[in-house]
């Protein structure tokens, strides 16, 4: 019979690592900035498009900073 000396000391889902939390928050901010930059690059050329009667062709219905 084999003996197993490996013991689970704690539940891995409950690990609180401040460095990992900071890195995740920073990564989230970088992703949001990249999305906003790409969205702006897409929307800016379309902002001045108008129909024949002068209405805006493209409308953004959400936050656009």
N, C-alpha and C. Protein backbone atom coordinates (compact mmCIF):
# COMPACT_ATOMS: atom_id res chain seq x y z
N UNK A 1 0.84 -1.19 0.00
CA UNK A 1 0.00 0.00 0.00
C UNK A 1 0.88 1.25 0.00
N UNK A 2 0.59 2.19 -0.92
CA UNK A 2 1.37 3.42 -1.01
C UNK A 2 0.86 4.45 -0.02
N UNK A 3 1.79 5.22 0.51
CA UNK A 3 1.42 6.28 1.44
C UNK A 3 1.51 7.62 0.71
N UNK A 4 0.54 8.46 0.87
CA UNK A 4 0.50 9.76 0.23
C UNK A 4 0.74 10.83 1.28
N UNK A 5 1.81 11.62 1.11
CA UNK A 5 2.14 12.67 2.08
C UNK A 5 1.63 14.04 1.66
N UNK A 6 0.94 14.11 0.54
CA UNK A 6 0.42 15.39 0.07
C UNK A 6 -0.86 15.72 0.81
N UNK A 7 -0.89 16.91 1.39
CA UNK A 7 -2.04 17.35 2.15
C UNK A 7 -2.50 18.69 1.61
N UNK A 8 -3.78 18.83 1.35
CA UNK A 8 -4.35 20.10 0.92
C UNK A 8 -4.50 20.97 2.16
N UNK A 9 -3.79 22.11 2.19
CA UNK A 9 -3.79 22.96 3.38
C UNK A 9 -4.94 23.96 3.40
N UNK A 10 -5.40 24.37 2.24
CA UNK A 10 -6.48 25.34 2.19
C UNK A 10 -7.19 25.24 0.85
N UNK A 11 -8.33 25.85 0.78
CA UNK A 11 -9.12 25.86 -0.44
C UNK A 11 -8.55 26.91 -1.37
N UNK A 12 -8.15 26.54 -2.57
CA UNK A 12 -7.49 27.46 -3.50
C UNK A 12 -8.41 28.59 -3.95
N UNK A 13 -9.71 28.41 -3.90
CA UNK A 13 -10.64 29.47 -4.30
C UNK A 13 -10.66 30.61 -3.29
N UNK A 14 -10.17 30.39 -2.11
CA UNK A 14 -10.20 31.40 -1.06
C UNK A 14 -8.87 32.12 -0.89
N UNK A 15 -7.93 31.89 -1.78
CA UNK A 15 -6.62 32.54 -1.67
C UNK A 15 -6.79 34.03 -1.98
N UNK A 16 -6.26 34.86 -1.12
CA UNK A 16 -6.29 36.30 -1.34
C UNK A 16 -4.86 36.76 -1.51
N UNK A 17 -4.51 37.14 -2.72
CA UNK A 17 -3.17 37.59 -3.03
C UNK A 17 -3.25 39.03 -3.52
N UNK A 18 -2.81 39.99 -2.71
CA UNK A 18 -2.93 41.40 -3.09
C UNK A 18 -2.25 41.74 -4.42
N UNK A 19 -1.10 41.14 -4.69
CA UNK A 19 -0.40 41.42 -5.94
C UNK A 19 -1.23 40.96 -7.14
N UNK A 20 -1.81 39.79 -7.05
CA UNK A 20 -2.66 39.29 -8.13
C UNK A 20 -3.87 40.18 -8.31
N UNK A 21 -4.45 40.64 -7.22
CA UNK A 21 -5.60 41.56 -7.31
C UNK A 21 -5.23 42.86 -8.02
N UNK A 22 -4.06 43.40 -7.70
CA UNK A 22 -3.59 44.64 -8.33
C UNK A 22 -3.34 44.41 -9.82
N UNK A 23 -2.71 43.29 -10.15
CA UNK A 23 -2.43 42.98 -11.56
C UNK A 23 -3.72 42.79 -12.35
N UNK A 24 -4.70 42.13 -11.76
CA UNK A 24 -5.98 41.93 -12.45
C UNK A 24 -6.69 43.26 -12.67
N UNK A 25 -6.68 44.12 -11.67
CA UNK A 25 -7.32 45.43 -11.81
C UNK A 25 -6.61 46.25 -12.89
N UNK A 26 -5.29 46.21 -12.91
CA UNK A 26 -4.52 46.94 -13.92
C UNK A 26 -4.79 46.40 -15.32
N UNK A 27 -4.87 45.08 -15.43
CA UNK A 27 -5.15 44.46 -16.73
C UNK A 27 -6.53 44.87 -17.22
N UNK A 28 -7.50 44.91 -16.31
CA UNK A 28 -8.85 45.32 -16.67
C UNK A 28 -8.88 46.75 -17.19
N UNK A 29 -8.11 47.64 -16.54
CA UNK A 29 -8.05 49.04 -16.98
C UNK A 29 -7.40 49.15 -18.36
N UNK A 30 -6.33 48.38 -18.59
CA UNK A 30 -5.67 48.40 -19.90
C UNK A 30 -6.59 47.91 -21.00
N UNK A 31 -7.34 46.86 -20.72
CA UNK A 31 -8.28 46.33 -21.71
C UNK A 31 -9.35 47.37 -22.01
N UNK A 32 -9.88 48.04 -20.98
CA UNK A 32 -10.91 49.06 -21.18
C UNK A 32 -10.36 50.23 -22.01
N UNK A 33 -9.13 50.64 -21.73
CA UNK A 33 -8.52 51.73 -22.50
C UNK A 33 -8.33 51.32 -23.96
N UNK A 34 -7.94 50.08 -24.19
CA UNK A 34 -7.75 49.60 -25.57
C UNK A 34 -9.09 49.57 -26.31
N UNK A 35 -10.13 49.13 -25.64
CA UNK A 35 -11.46 49.08 -26.26
C UNK A 35 -11.94 50.49 -26.58
N UNK A 36 -11.78 51.42 -25.64
CA UNK A 36 -12.21 52.80 -25.87
C UNK A 36 -11.42 53.45 -27.02
N UNK A 37 -10.13 53.17 -27.09
CA UNK A 37 -9.31 53.74 -28.17
C UNK A 37 -9.75 53.19 -29.52
N UNK A 38 -9.99 51.89 -29.58
CA UNK A 38 -10.42 51.29 -30.84
C UNK A 38 -11.81 51.80 -31.24
N UNK A 39 -12.69 51.95 -30.26
CA UNK A 39 -14.04 52.46 -30.53
C UNK A 39 -13.97 53.90 -31.05
N UNK A 40 -13.13 54.72 -30.43
CA UNK A 40 -12.96 56.11 -30.87
C UNK A 40 -12.43 56.15 -32.30
N UNK A 41 -11.45 55.31 -32.57
CA UNK A 41 -10.87 55.27 -33.92
C UNK A 41 -11.93 54.89 -34.95
N UNK A 42 -12.86 54.03 -34.55
CA UNK A 42 -13.93 53.61 -35.45
C UNK A 42 -14.99 54.70 -35.61
N UNK A 43 -15.34 55.37 -34.51
CA UNK A 43 -16.46 56.32 -34.52
C UNK A 43 -16.11 57.70 -35.06
N UNK A 44 -14.91 58.19 -34.82
CA UNK A 44 -14.56 59.56 -35.21
C UNK A 44 -14.80 59.83 -36.70
N UNK A 45 -14.36 58.97 -37.60
CA UNK A 45 -14.62 59.27 -39.02
C UNK A 45 -16.12 59.24 -39.37
N UNK A 46 -16.91 58.56 -38.58
CA UNK A 46 -18.34 58.46 -38.87
C UNK A 46 -19.16 59.57 -38.22
N UNK A 47 -18.56 60.34 -37.33
CA UNK A 47 -19.29 61.35 -36.56
C UNK A 47 -19.90 62.44 -37.43
N UNK A 48 -19.29 62.77 -38.55
CA UNK A 48 -19.77 63.86 -39.39
C UNK A 48 -20.68 63.40 -40.52
N UNK A 49 -20.94 62.11 -40.61
CA UNK A 49 -21.82 61.62 -41.67
C UNK A 49 -23.26 62.04 -41.40
N UNK A 50 -23.91 62.59 -42.42
CA UNK A 50 -25.29 63.06 -42.29
C UNK A 50 -26.13 62.52 -43.45
N UNK A 51 -27.42 62.38 -43.19
CA UNK A 51 -28.34 62.00 -44.26
C UNK A 51 -28.62 63.23 -45.13
N UNK A 52 -29.39 63.06 -46.17
CA UNK A 52 -29.72 64.18 -47.07
C UNK A 52 -30.48 65.28 -46.35
N UNK A 53 -31.21 64.91 -45.28
CA UNK A 53 -31.98 65.92 -44.54
C UNK A 53 -31.21 66.45 -43.32
N UNK A 54 -29.95 66.04 -43.18
CA UNK A 54 -29.11 66.60 -42.12
C UNK A 54 -29.06 65.83 -40.82
N UNK A 55 -29.68 64.67 -40.76
CA UNK A 55 -29.64 63.89 -39.52
C UNK A 55 -28.35 63.07 -39.44
N UNK A 56 -27.90 62.86 -38.22
CA UNK A 56 -26.69 62.07 -37.99
C UNK A 56 -26.95 60.62 -38.40
N UNK A 57 -26.00 60.03 -39.13
CA UNK A 57 -26.16 58.66 -39.62
C UNK A 57 -25.84 57.64 -38.52
N UNK A 58 -24.77 57.88 -37.77
CA UNK A 58 -24.34 56.94 -36.72
C UNK A 58 -24.57 57.58 -35.36
N UNK A 59 -25.27 56.86 -34.49
CA UNK A 59 -25.55 57.35 -33.14
C UNK A 59 -25.03 56.36 -32.13
N UNK A 60 -24.35 56.85 -31.13
CA UNK A 60 -23.83 56.00 -30.05
C UNK A 60 -24.80 56.12 -28.88
N UNK A 61 -25.39 55.01 -28.47
CA UNK A 61 -26.36 55.03 -27.39
C UNK A 61 -25.79 54.59 -26.04
N UNK A 62 -24.48 54.71 -25.87
CA UNK A 62 -23.87 54.34 -24.59
C UNK A 62 -22.76 55.33 -24.27
N UNK A 63 -22.12 55.11 -23.15
CA UNK A 63 -21.03 55.98 -22.72
C UNK A 63 -19.91 55.96 -23.76
N UNK A 64 -19.46 57.12 -24.13
CA UNK A 64 -18.31 57.24 -25.02
C UNK A 64 -17.48 58.42 -24.55
N UNK A 65 -16.40 58.12 -23.84
CA UNK A 65 -15.56 59.16 -23.25
C UNK A 65 -14.58 59.61 -24.17
